[in-house]
Protein backbone atom coordinates (compact mmCIF):
# COMPACT_ATOMS: atom_id res chain seq x y z
CA MET A 1 22.14 -38.38 34.69
CA SER A 2 19.97 -41.09 32.97
CA GLU A 3 21.93 -43.66 34.92
CA ALA A 4 21.91 -42.15 38.60
CA GLY A 5 18.17 -42.36 38.69
CA PRO A 6 17.51 -45.72 38.44
CA GLN A 7 20.47 -46.62 40.60
CA GLU A 8 18.90 -44.67 43.24
CA SER A 9 15.48 -46.03 42.93
CA GLU A 10 16.93 -49.60 42.99
CA THR A 11 18.77 -48.96 46.36
CA LYS A 12 15.57 -47.19 47.90
CA THR A 13 13.38 -50.51 46.89
CA GLU A 14 15.95 -52.89 48.49
CA GLU A 15 15.42 -51.15 52.03
CA PRO A 16 12.36 -52.45 53.69
CA SER A 17 11.94 -49.41 55.58
CA GLN A 18 11.01 -47.18 52.69
CA SER A 19 7.13 -45.97 52.52
CA GLU A 20 4.92 -46.26 49.50
CA SER A 21 5.17 -42.60 48.95
CA GLN A 22 9.23 -42.90 48.46
CA ASN A 23 8.49 -45.31 45.59
CA MET A 24 5.95 -43.08 43.65
CA ASP A 25 8.92 -40.27 44.20
CA SER A 26 11.52 -42.74 42.67
CA ALA A 27 9.17 -43.69 39.90
CA LEU A 28 8.30 -40.05 38.87
CA THR A 29 11.91 -39.17 38.95
CA VAL A 30 12.62 -42.05 36.50
CA SER A 31 9.75 -40.97 34.41
CA THR A 32 11.15 -37.16 34.45
CA GLU A 33 14.49 -38.00 33.38
CA LYS A 34 13.21 -40.45 30.58
CA THR A 35 11.03 -37.66 29.30
CA ALA A 36 13.77 -35.41 29.15
CA SER A 37 15.80 -37.80 27.20
CA GLN A 38 13.03 -38.82 24.96
CA PRO A 39 10.41 -36.05 24.59
CA SER A 40 8.51 -37.76 21.77
CA GLN A 41 6.90 -40.18 24.04
CA PRO A 42 3.15 -39.69 24.48
CA SER A 43 2.25 -39.99 28.35
CA MET A 44 4.55 -39.51 31.41
CA LEU A 45 2.68 -41.72 33.91
CA SER A 46 2.60 -44.82 31.17
CA GLN A 47 6.82 -44.38 31.62
CA THR A 48 6.04 -44.40 35.47
CA ILE A 49 4.22 -47.36 35.46
CA GLN A 50 6.54 -49.27 33.53
CA SER A 51 9.64 -48.48 35.83
CA VAL A 52 7.36 -49.78 38.49
CA GLN A 53 6.85 -52.74 36.71
CA THR A 54 10.60 -53.30 36.09
CA LEU A 55 11.27 -52.77 39.64
CA SER A 56 8.71 -55.21 40.76
CA GLN A 57 10.65 -58.15 39.04
CA PRO A 58 11.34 -61.07 41.15
CA SER A 59 14.56 -60.53 43.27
CA VAL A 60 16.90 -62.73 45.29
CA ASN A 61 16.57 -59.94 48.21
CA ALA A 62 14.65 -61.03 51.40
CA SER A 63 12.22 -57.93 50.78
CA ASP A 64 10.57 -59.32 48.00
CA VAL A 65 7.45 -60.29 49.88
CA THR A 66 7.32 -56.63 51.27
CA PHE A 67 7.84 -55.17 47.96
CA ALA A 68 5.09 -57.46 46.36
CA ALA A 69 2.47 -56.17 49.16
CA LYS A 70 3.43 -52.48 48.12
CA GLU A 71 3.00 -53.04 44.63
CA GLN A 72 -0.46 -54.42 45.55
CA GLU A 73 -1.19 -51.33 47.48
CA PHE A 74 -0.03 -49.26 44.24
CA ILE A 75 -2.45 -51.19 41.89
CA LYS A 76 -5.44 -50.34 44.10
CA ALA A 77 -4.25 -46.66 44.38
CA LYS A 78 -4.02 -46.60 40.57
CA SER A 79 -7.54 -48.30 40.17
CA TYR A 80 -8.86 -45.68 42.30
CA LEU A 81 -7.29 -42.87 40.37
CA LEU A 82 -8.79 -44.55 37.08
CA THR A 83 -12.41 -44.49 38.51
CA ALA A 84 -14.58 -42.34 36.14
CA SER A 85 -16.90 -39.51 37.42
CA THR A 86 -20.66 -40.11 37.05
CA ASN A 87 -20.94 -36.43 35.88
CA THR A 88 -18.15 -36.08 33.29
CA GLY A 89 -17.09 -39.43 32.73
CA LEU A 90 -13.60 -38.64 33.33
CA ASN A 91 -10.99 -39.80 35.82
CA ILE A 92 -7.98 -38.08 37.52
CA TYR A 93 -5.57 -40.17 36.42
CA ASP A 94 -5.88 -39.30 32.76
CA HIS A 95 -6.19 -35.50 33.77
CA LEU A 96 -3.11 -35.39 35.77
CA SER A 97 -1.20 -37.25 32.83
CA HIS A 98 -2.43 -34.55 30.48
CA VAL A 99 -1.54 -31.65 32.70
CA LEU A 100 1.80 -32.92 33.76
CA SER A 101 2.60 -33.56 29.98
CA LYS A 102 1.30 -30.08 28.92
CA VAL A 103 3.72 -28.74 31.90
CA LEU A 104 6.56 -30.45 30.65
CA ASP A 105 6.26 -29.76 27.32
CA GLU A 106 5.71 -26.11 27.91
CA ARG A 107 7.66 -25.46 30.82
CA PRO A 108 6.33 -22.40 31.88
CA ALA A 109 8.01 -20.12 34.64
CA ASN A 110 6.36 -20.31 38.00
CA VAL A 111 4.44 -23.37 37.31
CA VAL A 112 3.38 -23.79 40.87
CA ASP A 113 1.38 -20.58 40.56
CA ILE A 114 -0.56 -21.26 37.39
CA PHE A 115 -1.10 -24.79 37.94
CA GLU A 116 -4.87 -24.51 38.60
CA ASP A 117 -5.09 -22.35 35.29
CA ILE A 118 -3.84 -25.30 33.29
CA SER A 119 -5.88 -27.68 35.05
CA LYS A 120 -8.93 -25.37 34.32
CA ASP A 121 -7.86 -25.14 30.63
CA SER A 122 -7.45 -28.62 30.29
CA LYS A 123 -11.00 -29.33 31.33
CA ARG A 124 -12.39 -26.55 29.46
CA ALA A 125 -10.78 -27.88 26.29
CA LYS A 126 -12.63 -31.20 26.21
CA PHE A 127 -16.05 -29.60 26.25
CA ILE A 128 -15.52 -26.74 23.73
CA SER A 129 -15.06 -27.43 19.88
CA ASP A 130 -16.26 -26.32 16.69
CA THR A 131 -18.79 -29.29 16.27
CA ASP A 132 -20.06 -29.39 19.73
CA THR A 133 -23.75 -27.93 19.94
CA VAL A 134 -23.49 -27.14 23.78
CA HIS A 135 -21.00 -24.18 24.32
CA ASP A 136 -20.01 -22.38 27.47
CA LYS A 137 -22.10 -18.87 27.34
CA ILE A 138 -19.38 -16.28 27.98
CA ASP A 139 -20.50 -12.88 29.30
CA GLN A 140 -20.68 -10.25 26.41
CA SER A 141 -18.90 -7.17 26.90
CA THR A 142 -21.00 -3.70 26.58
CA GLU A 143 -19.22 -2.80 23.36
CA VAL A 144 -20.21 -6.48 21.91
CA ALA A 145 -23.73 -5.84 23.11
CA LEU A 146 -23.81 -2.18 21.59
CA ALA A 147 -22.81 -3.46 18.38
CA GLN A 148 -25.42 -6.10 17.85
CA VAL A 149 -28.03 -3.48 18.36
CA GLN A 150 -26.65 -1.01 16.31
CA LYS A 151 -26.02 -3.55 13.44
CA LYS A 152 -29.81 -3.37 12.77
CA LEU A 153 -29.26 0.06 11.79
CA PHE A 154 -27.05 -0.65 8.75
CA SER A 155 -29.57 -3.54 7.65
CA LYS A 156 -32.07 -2.47 5.08
CA GLY A 157 -35.76 -3.34 5.92
CA GLU A 158 -38.17 -5.39 3.77
CA GLY A 159 -38.70 -3.81 0.45
CA GLU A 160 -36.08 -1.31 0.84
CA GLU A 161 -33.64 -3.04 -1.59
CA ASP A 162 -35.94 -2.39 -4.79
CA GLU A 163 -36.76 1.20 -4.03
CA MET A 164 -35.81 3.84 -6.01
CA PRO A 165 -34.12 6.90 -4.88
CA PRO A 166 -36.65 9.67 -4.10
CA ASP A 167 -36.91 12.79 -6.16
CA GLU A 168 -35.08 15.94 -4.96
CA ASP A 169 -38.43 17.87 -4.89
CA VAL A 170 -40.02 15.71 -2.48
CA GLU A 171 -39.45 16.88 0.97
CA THR A 172 -38.56 14.66 3.80
CA PRO A 173 -38.32 15.38 7.70
CA LEU A 174 -34.82 13.62 7.69
CA PRO A 175 -31.97 16.22 7.85
CA ASN A 176 -28.92 16.15 6.30
CA ILE A 177 -26.61 15.11 9.44
CA MET A 178 -23.39 14.85 7.34
CA GLU A 179 -23.80 18.06 5.59
CA LEU A 180 -24.20 19.90 9.23
CA CYS A 181 -21.34 17.54 10.50
CA PHE A 182 -19.06 18.83 7.95
CA PHE A 183 -19.34 22.68 8.98
CA PHE A 184 -19.23 21.59 12.79
CA GLU A 185 -16.26 19.62 12.22
CA GLN A 186 -14.55 22.99 10.81
CA ALA A 187 -15.25 24.82 14.02
CA ALA A 188 -14.03 21.74 16.14
CA ILE A 189 -17.42 21.41 17.43
CA GLY A 190 -19.75 17.93 17.62
CA MET A 191 -18.80 14.45 17.40
CA ASN A 192 -16.89 12.28 15.30
CA ARG A 193 -18.27 11.17 11.94
CA GLU A 194 -18.43 7.50 12.64
CA GLU A 195 -20.92 8.59 15.65
CA MET A 196 -22.64 11.11 13.71
CA ILE A 197 -23.38 8.42 11.10
CA ARG A 198 -24.95 6.08 13.74
CA VAL A 199 -27.03 9.27 14.85
CA TRP A 200 -28.15 9.82 11.40
CA LEU A 201 -29.48 6.15 10.93
CA ALA A 202 -30.99 6.35 14.49
CA LEU A 203 -33.08 9.43 13.26
CA LYS A 204 -34.11 7.64 10.10
CA ASN A 205 -35.23 4.96 12.07
CA LEU A 206 -37.23 7.45 14.23
CA VAL A 207 -38.88 9.16 11.10
CA ASP A 208 -39.99 5.69 9.77
CA ASN A 209 -41.71 4.68 13.03
CA HIS A 210 -43.59 8.10 13.89
CA PRO A 211 -45.34 10.48 11.53
CA LEU A 212 -43.03 13.55 11.80
CA GLN A 213 -43.28 16.53 9.67
CA HIS A 214 -39.97 17.99 10.87
CA VAL A 215 -36.79 16.32 12.83
CA ARG A 216 -33.61 17.74 14.12
CA PHE A 217 -30.89 16.50 16.03
CA TRP A 218 -30.86 18.76 18.95
CA GLY A 219 -27.58 17.46 20.60
CA LYS A 220 -25.93 15.31 23.34
CA ILE A 221 -26.15 15.75 27.18
CA PHE A 222 -23.55 13.87 29.03
CA GLY A 223 -24.70 11.50 31.98
CA ARG A 224 -22.87 9.97 34.91
CA GLU A 225 -23.83 6.43 33.92
CA GLN A 226 -25.38 6.94 30.24
CA ASN A 227 -25.60 9.70 27.95
CA TYR A 228 -28.84 11.25 26.11
CA TYR A 229 -29.17 11.64 22.45
CA VAL A 230 -31.74 14.41 21.61
CA ALA A 231 -33.95 14.55 18.40
CA GLU A 232 -36.24 17.80 18.42
CA VAL A 233 -39.34 16.84 16.18
CA GLU A 234 -42.64 18.10 15.12
CA TYR A 235 -45.61 15.85 14.26
CA ARG A 236 -47.98 16.23 11.43
CA GLU A 237 -51.32 18.02 11.75
CA GLY A 238 -53.63 15.66 13.41
CA ASP A 239 -51.39 12.91 13.95
CA GLU A 240 -50.72 13.87 17.70
CA GLU A 241 -54.32 14.31 18.87
CA GLU A 242 -54.47 10.59 19.93
CA GLU A 243 -51.41 10.78 22.01
CA GLU A 244 -52.79 14.07 23.55
CA GLU A 245 -55.93 12.44 24.38
CA GLU A 246 -54.48 9.73 26.37
CA GLU A 247 -52.07 12.39 28.21
CA GLU A 248 -55.35 14.03 29.07
CA GLU A 249 -57.16 11.38 30.32
CA GLN A 250 -54.14 10.28 32.50
CA ASN A 251 -53.83 13.89 33.75
CA GLU A 252 -57.70 14.01 34.71
CA GLU A 253 -57.21 10.63 36.74
CA ASP A 254 -54.36 11.82 38.79
CA SER A 255 -56.53 15.17 39.49
CA ASN A 256 -59.41 13.50 40.48
CA GLU A 257 -57.54 11.15 42.80
CA LYS A 258 -55.83 14.38 44.34
CA GLU A 259 -59.40 15.92 44.65
CA GLU A 260 -60.65 13.08 46.43
CA ALA A 261 -57.59 12.78 48.92
CA GLU A 262 -58.37 16.48 49.65
CA GLU A 263 -61.88 15.92 50.19
CA GLY A 264 -61.33 13.16 52.66
CA GLU A 265 -58.87 15.62 54.38
CA GLU A 266 -61.48 18.25 54.85
CA ASP A 267 -64.07 16.19 55.86
CA GLU A 268 -61.71 14.75 58.83
CA ALA A 269 -61.02 18.59 59.46
CA GLU A 270 -64.43 19.33 60.02
CA GLU A 271 -65.02 16.80 62.55
CA ASP A 272 -61.91 18.06 64.88
CA ASP A 273 -62.77 21.24 67.11
CA TYR A 274 -59.51 22.65 66.16
CA PRO A 275 -59.12 26.05 64.64
CA LYS A 276 -58.80 26.41 60.91
CA PRO A 277 -56.24 28.21 58.93
CA ASP A 278 -57.32 31.07 56.55
CA PHE A 279 -54.35 30.40 54.23
CA LYS A 280 -55.72 29.09 50.79
CA PRO A 281 -52.59 27.97 48.62
CA PRO A 282 -52.47 29.57 45.17
CA PRO A 283 -53.77 27.85 42.29
CA PRO A 284 -51.47 26.03 40.26
CA ILE A 285 -50.06 27.52 37.15
CA PRO A 286 -51.32 25.46 34.09
CA LYS A 287 -49.12 24.21 31.50
CA GLU A 288 -48.95 25.37 27.93
CA GLU A 289 -50.80 23.28 25.43
CA ASN A 290 -48.98 21.24 22.86
CA ARG A 291 -47.20 23.47 19.96
CA THR A 292 -47.50 26.33 21.77
CA GLY A 293 -44.95 28.20 24.39
CA ALA A 294 -42.19 25.83 25.85
CA ASN A 295 -44.17 22.72 24.67
CA LYS A 296 -44.09 23.99 20.78
CA LYS A 297 -41.85 20.79 20.12
CA THR A 298 -41.62 17.58 20.91
CA TYR A 299 -38.47 15.51 22.17
CA PHE A 300 -36.96 11.98 21.96
CA VAL A 301 -34.21 10.89 23.63
CA CYS A 302 -32.13 7.58 23.61
CA ASN A 303 -29.09 6.54 25.42
CA ASP A 304 -27.19 5.16 22.38
CA PRO A 305 -27.71 5.39 18.54
CA GLY A 306 -29.74 2.19 17.52
CA LYS A 307 -31.68 1.93 20.98
CA MET A 308 -35.28 2.65 21.46
CA TRP A 309 -36.14 6.35 21.05
CA ILE A 310 -38.28 7.56 24.20
CA LYS A 311 -40.66 10.22 23.99
CA LEU A 312 -40.10 12.98 26.84
CA PRO A 313 -43.35 14.42 28.62
CA THR A 314 -44.47 17.81 28.31
CA VAL A 315 -43.03 20.43 30.50
CA THR A 316 -44.85 22.29 33.20
CA PRO A 317 -43.91 25.60 34.94
CA ALA A 318 -43.41 23.95 38.13
CA HIS A 319 -40.58 21.99 36.81
CA ILE A 320 -39.17 24.94 35.12
CA GLN A 321 -39.23 26.92 38.30
CA VAL A 322 -37.80 24.22 40.63
CA ALA A 323 -35.19 23.49 37.80
CA ARG A 324 -33.97 27.08 38.05
CA LYS A 325 -33.06 26.50 41.61
CA ILE A 326 -31.04 23.35 41.57
CA LYS A 327 -28.26 21.75 39.99
CA LYS A 328 -28.16 18.04 39.46
CA PHE A 329 -26.12 15.91 37.08
CA PHE A 330 -27.74 13.55 34.93
CA THR A 331 -27.35 9.85 35.46
CA GLY A 332 -28.83 8.29 31.90
CA ARG A 333 -31.88 6.67 33.62
CA LEU A 334 -35.26 8.49 32.88
CA ASP A 335 -36.77 6.81 36.04
CA ALA A 336 -34.18 7.87 38.26
CA PRO A 337 -35.67 10.19 41.12
CA ILE A 338 -34.18 13.51 41.67
CA VAL A 339 -33.44 14.19 45.29
CA SER A 340 -33.03 18.21 45.93
CA TYR A 341 -34.22 21.21 47.85
CA PRO A 342 -36.48 22.61 46.92
CA PRO A 343 -38.23 19.26 46.14
CA PHE A 344 -38.79 18.35 42.35
CA LEU A 345 -41.82 16.76 41.77
CA GLY A 346 -41.01 14.33 39.12
CA ASN A 347 -38.12 11.98 37.78
CA GLU A 348 -35.06 12.31 35.63
CA ALA A 349 -37.31 12.54 32.32
CA ASN A 350 -39.10 15.60 33.62
CA TYR A 351 -35.99 17.29 34.42
CA LEU A 352 -34.32 16.68 31.41
CA ARG A 353 -37.45 18.05 29.47
CA ALA A 354 -37.19 21.07 31.62
CA GLN A 355 -33.66 21.90 30.90
CA ILE A 356 -33.96 21.20 27.14
CA ALA A 357 -36.54 23.96 27.23
CA ARG A 358 -34.46 26.49 29.12
CA ILE A 359 -31.56 25.71 26.95
CA SER A 360 -33.43 26.02 23.55
CA ALA A 361 -35.01 29.46 24.96
CA GLY A 362 -31.34 31.00 25.72
CA THR A 363 -29.07 29.46 23.02
CA HIS A 364 -31.29 28.90 19.69
CA ILE A 365 -30.04 31.85 17.49
CA SER A 366 -30.23 32.64 13.62
CA PRO A 367 -28.99 35.07 11.49
CA LEU A 368 -30.78 38.31 11.36
CA GLY A 369 -33.27 38.12 8.35
CA PHE A 370 -33.43 34.44 8.01
CA TYR A 371 -36.92 34.40 9.87
CA GLN A 372 -39.71 37.19 9.55
CA PHE A 373 -43.17 37.92 11.17
CA ASP A 374 -46.29 36.97 8.95
CA GLU A 375 -47.49 40.12 8.03
CA GLU A 376 -51.25 38.88 8.37
CA GLU A 377 -50.90 37.91 11.61
CA GLU A 378 -49.26 40.74 12.69
CA GLU A 379 -52.23 43.04 11.85
CA GLU A 380 -54.70 40.69 13.39
CA GLU A 381 -52.86 40.46 16.77
CA GLU A 382 -51.96 43.87 17.60
CA GLY A 383 -50.53 44.33 20.77
CA GLU A 384 -50.08 40.67 21.56
CA ALA A 385 -46.60 38.85 21.96
CA ARG A 386 -46.28 37.31 18.62
CA ASP A 387 -45.20 33.56 18.80
CA HIS A 388 -45.13 32.55 14.83
CA PHE A 389 -42.48 33.44 12.33
CA ILE A 390 -41.89 32.15 8.88
CA GLU A 391 -38.99 31.57 6.90
CA ASN A 392 -37.98 34.54 4.92
CA LEU A 393 -37.43 33.05 1.25
CA ASP A 394 -35.79 36.13 0.16
CA PHE A 395 -32.97 36.01 2.43
CA GLU A 396 -29.67 36.11 0.72
CA GLY A 397 -27.27 35.76 3.67
CA LEU A 398 -24.68 37.76 5.65
CA SER A 399 -21.07 38.07 5.40
CA VAL A 400 -18.83 36.24 7.62
CA ARG A 401 -17.54 39.93 8.80
CA ASP A 402 -21.01 40.84 9.88
CA LEU A 403 -21.74 37.90 11.67
CA LEU A 404 -18.62 38.00 13.77
CA ASP A 405 -19.58 41.75 14.56
CA PRO A 406 -18.72 42.30 18.15
CA ASN A 407 -22.06 44.07 18.85
CA LEU A 408 -23.80 41.10 18.04
CA SER A 409 -26.49 42.45 16.28
CA ASN A 410 -26.90 40.41 13.36
CA TRP A 411 -27.87 37.40 15.30
CA VAL A 412 -31.10 36.90 16.89
CA HIS A 413 -33.26 34.58 19.18
CA HIS A 414 -36.01 32.49 17.49
CA VAL A 415 -37.21 30.63 20.51
CA GLN A 416 -39.53 32.20 22.81
CA HIS A 417 -38.09 33.47 26.09
CA VAL A 418 -39.25 31.49 29.24
CA LEU A 419 -40.84 33.79 31.92
CA PRO A 420 -39.98 33.56 35.54
CA GLN A 421 -43.64 32.01 36.01
CA GLY A 422 -42.26 28.96 34.10
CA ARG A 423 -44.32 29.67 30.99
CA CYS A 424 -43.67 31.73 27.63
CA SER A 425 -47.20 33.40 27.79
CA TRP A 426 -48.15 34.91 31.29
CA TRP A 427 -51.04 33.52 32.91
CA ASN A 428 -52.85 35.71 35.40
CA PRO A 429 -53.03 33.59 38.49
CA VAL A 430 -56.18 35.65 40.22
CA GLN A 431 -58.38 35.87 36.90
CA LYS A 432 -61.98 34.86 37.71
CA ASN A 433 -63.90 31.97 36.34
CA GLU A 434 -67.11 30.66 36.87
CA ASP A 435 -66.46 28.71 40.00
CA ASP A 436 -65.07 31.64 41.42
CA PHE A 437 -67.72 33.96 40.77
CA GLU A 438 -70.24 31.23 42.61
CA GLU A 439 -68.16 31.37 45.74
CA GLU A 440 -68.08 35.24 45.83
CA ASP A 441 -71.52 35.02 45.92
CA GLU A 442 -71.44 32.85 49.31
CA GLU A 443 -68.44 34.72 50.79
CA GLU A 444 -69.08 38.63 50.18
CA ASP A 445 -66.85 39.37 53.00
CA ARG A 446 -63.64 37.86 51.84
CA GLU A 447 -60.75 40.20 50.57
CA GLU A 448 -59.95 40.15 46.73
CA PRO A 449 -56.39 39.58 46.09
CA ASP A 450 -54.16 42.55 44.39
CA GLU A 451 -53.73 42.16 40.56
CA PRO A 452 -50.54 41.08 40.07
CA GLU A 453 -48.23 42.91 37.51
CA PRO A 454 -47.73 40.83 34.18
CA GLU A 455 -44.36 39.53 33.56
CA VAL A 456 -42.93 40.52 30.34
CA GLY A 457 -39.86 39.00 28.55
CA PRO A 458 -37.84 39.92 25.25
CA PRO A 459 -39.87 39.41 22.15
CA LEU A 460 -38.93 36.90 19.46
CA LEU A 461 -36.06 37.65 17.21
CA THR A 462 -34.52 39.77 19.58
CA PRO A 463 -31.02 40.39 18.74
CA LEU A 464 -28.14 39.02 21.02
CA ALA A 465 -26.91 42.61 21.92
CA GLU A 466 -29.72 42.57 24.14
CA ASP A 467 -28.61 39.80 26.20
CA GLU A 468 -27.62 40.61 29.77
CA GLU A 469 -24.06 40.07 30.76
CA ILE A 470 -22.80 37.26 33.21
CA ALA A 471 -20.55 39.10 35.97
CA GLY A 472 -19.00 41.07 33.64
CA LEU A 473 -18.62 38.48 30.96
CA ILE A 474 -20.14 38.71 27.54
CA PRO A 475 -23.00 35.99 26.71
CA TRP A 476 -21.60 35.29 23.52
CA THR A 477 -18.37 34.54 21.87
CA PRO A 478 -18.23 34.81 18.32
CA SER A 479 -15.15 33.08 16.63
CA LEU A 480 -14.10 32.10 12.98
CA SER A 481 -13.57 28.50 12.03
CA SER A 482 -9.93 29.35 10.68
CA TYR A 483 -7.98 32.33 10.89
CA LEU A 484 -5.38 30.76 8.34
CA ILE A 485 -7.65 30.60 5.45
CA PRO A 486 -10.46 33.17 6.51
CA GLN A 487 -11.87 33.77 2.80
CA TYR A 488 -13.49 29.99 3.18
CA SER A 489 -13.90 29.91 6.91
CA ILE A 490 -17.75 30.01 8.46
CA ALA A 491 -19.01 31.90 11.55
CA VAL A 492 -19.15 30.31 14.71
CA MET A 493 -20.90 31.57 18.01
CA HIS A 494 -20.24 30.03 21.43
CA SER A 495 -22.56 30.36 24.37
CA ASN A 496 -21.07 31.53 27.76
CA LEU A 497 -24.43 31.44 29.43
CA TRP A 498 -24.73 27.67 28.58
CA PRO A 499 -21.44 26.13 27.92
CA GLY A 500 -21.72 23.33 25.16
CA ALA A 501 -24.38 25.46 23.17
CA HIS A 502 -22.64 26.61 19.98
CA ALA A 503 -24.22 27.83 16.27
CA PHE A 504 -22.53 28.33 12.88
CA ALA A 505 -23.85 30.23 9.99
CA PHE A 506 -22.31 30.35 6.49
CA GLU A 507 -24.22 31.73 3.43
CA LYS A 508 -27.81 30.60 3.75
CA LYS A 509 -27.41 27.98 6.48
CA PHE A 510 -27.24 27.71 10.13
CA GLU A 511 -27.69 25.44 12.59
CA ASN A 512 -27.79 25.05 16.63
CA ILE A 513 -26.23 22.16 18.69
CA TYR A 514 -25.78 21.44 22.55
CA ILE A 515 -23.12 19.03 23.76
CA GLY A 516 -22.71 19.43 27.29
CA PHE A 517 -23.81 18.22 30.79
CA GLY A 518 -27.04 20.25 30.80
CA LEU A 519 -26.00 22.83 33.49
CA LYS A 520 -26.20 26.49 33.40
CA TYR A 521 -23.00 28.58 34.11
CA CYS A 522 -22.45 30.06 37.81
CA GLN A 523 -19.96 32.39 38.96
CA GLU A 524 -20.21 31.31 42.29
CA ASN A 525 -20.11 27.70 43.99
CA TYR A 526 -23.50 26.34 43.97
CA SER A 527 -25.29 26.07 47.41
CA PRO A 528 -29.07 25.14 47.86
CA PRO A 529 -31.78 27.95 48.95
CA PRO A 530 -32.17 27.84 52.86
CA PRO A 531 -35.50 27.01 53.92
CA PRO A 532 -38.21 29.46 54.49
CA PRO A 533 -38.81 30.89 58.17
CA VAL A 534 -41.16 28.99 60.41
CA GLN A 535 -44.58 30.76 60.00
CA GLU A 536 -47.36 31.38 63.00
CA GLU A 537 -49.23 28.54 63.61
CA PHE A 538 -52.32 30.59 64.78
CA PRO A 539 -52.70 34.39 64.55
CA SER A 540 -52.65 36.28 67.89
CA GLY A 541 -55.85 37.34 69.46
CA ILE A 542 -57.50 37.83 72.89
CA GLU A 543 -59.19 34.62 72.65
CA ILE A 544 -56.41 32.65 72.29
CA SER A 545 -53.95 34.84 73.94
CA GLU A 546 -52.22 33.35 77.52
CA ALA A 547 -53.39 35.07 80.59
CA ASP A 548 -52.55 34.52 84.47
CA ASP A 549 -55.14 32.41 86.57
CA PRO A 550 -57.27 34.72 88.73
CA THR A 551 -56.88 34.71 92.65
CA PRO A 552 -59.76 33.33 94.94
CA GLU A 553 -60.77 36.86 95.49
CA GLU A 554 -61.10 37.73 92.07
CA GLU A 555 -63.09 34.39 91.44
CA ALA A 556 -65.37 35.43 94.27
CA ALA A 557 -65.89 39.06 93.30
CA LEU A 558 -66.82 37.76 89.62
CA ARG A 559 -69.16 35.26 91.13
CA ALA A 560 -71.01 38.18 93.35
CA ALA A 561 -71.21 40.58 90.41
CA GLN A 562 -72.54 37.78 88.04
CA GLN A 563 -75.29 37.13 90.84
CA GLU A 564 -75.97 40.75 91.36
CA ALA A 565 -76.70 40.81 87.40
CA GLN A 566 -78.96 37.98 87.42
CA GLU A 567 -80.64 39.31 90.31
CA ALA A 568 -81.19 42.31 88.55
CA ALA A 569 -82.32 40.87 85.32
CA GLU A 570 -85.16 39.13 87.34
CA GLU A 571 -86.17 41.95 88.84
CA MET A 572 -86.82 43.88 85.46
CA GLU A 573 -88.45 40.91 84.22
CA GLU A 574 -91.14 40.87 87.07
CA ALA A 575 -91.64 44.57 86.72
CA ASP A 576 -92.56 43.93 83.00
CA GLU A 577 -94.83 41.19 83.81
CA GLU A 578 -96.56 43.47 86.40
CA GLU A 579 -96.84 46.16 83.87
CA GLU A 580 -98.43 43.60 81.27
CA ASP A 581 -100.89 42.45 83.79
CA GLU A 582 -102.05 45.86 84.48
CA ASP A 583 -102.49 46.79 80.91
């Protein structure tokens, strides 16, 4: 095979009718055969040039002049291929030499399909090195970016290396997440240990950056794009006043803007001669103050442990009322709009806060006797709904058998029930303030609305036995963490009303957690409520009711009657004047 190539090339060069491309093919054939027999040679195109130079030696044939001209053309082509690029300094001759050498050394399958990739790798290898300061910036994957963010959780801050561990008597708001994870793990609830450690470190970061009195890992809510990790906190007394003042100032600015817009609309309506409606919208229900009712706790969320904690806004009754009528999956973006019917006046942050309030009110439970009411407050506030309780220091715990009682009488709710109004404490919408009394003095004839019946819900520390069933399904399902070794098992409660809500109790310890989509159980498929019926534009009456146009005879009779009445009135006036003159 090594001798067949040169003989063929010599035969082809003797023919004066052969083109330059055939000479190049014969040269590449010689180079390929020599490389197969001598794989240690450095370059393939150098062998090609040597073969061409051997072929270009003087010959006695008559085609010497023609071959010399072709040799000159070959040299010009080679010089063109050796032209260096002004951007990179490379030339295509060396590049093709390197690529062909790599192909012949590695001999990959289907080389024609991957030739472009080999060419790109060859170019990229010339610019990437360990000593070069300029590297190609490769896009990081989401896992690498998240790992770099969470790396800060495992690094100590300044001054923490020399600190001694705190005394056992010193209270810390940071909970022992790993201990709670151990109990939930027995009941096959929660997250894996690696994720819980990251959550624990993220809560530590939250405690270090905010003046908190109590911190609790509320749970995890799944989203279509990202998830939410929720932390339930309580500020130390006096430390939240500044944030409350900022929120109040912002709310006042919003209310002032609304009032100005309403006044402008009223002025425009006064200029028109159209009839004015008598309808007066009901007053908006005010939200509950911080540390009371549905806003008793403050909540922070983040998409992943290690990312920035974001404080959720306070919840309003309007948000809770609309959240009860819609079903929306979370996206994982707090600024995402909520497109629904009825319309939700807020973004996903407000919807998330409303769902957290609903889930907490319905699923946060504790063993009977763990909490108790304060006797002094009970005496002071007789007849009012009690909203404060304290921990019972004499609580000795309940047995697992008692906690698993099918009657569910040994578990109680320790979060206030949210009324249909959207508040935990009922607010009278027709109560009168000073402004109302001033308006009543001006408009005495206006009818007073009927006094509504106050809404009443189950009080605090109500047993689960009083919870209503869900279409024949019990609201809670008690279970044992292990039936193989029941003497060391713990009692677990699963909510059927809010799938994903769980609670455990063991001796004097208990905890609640929620891991789900943030949606309430519904027996039937969800369908949005229909729009309300169209209201009448104006009340029906004689002055605006339609009537047939009068006939010409009726118009003439009406004019005659009006003229007679006018004449009679003039005669009466003349008679009165004459009587006055006589007097």
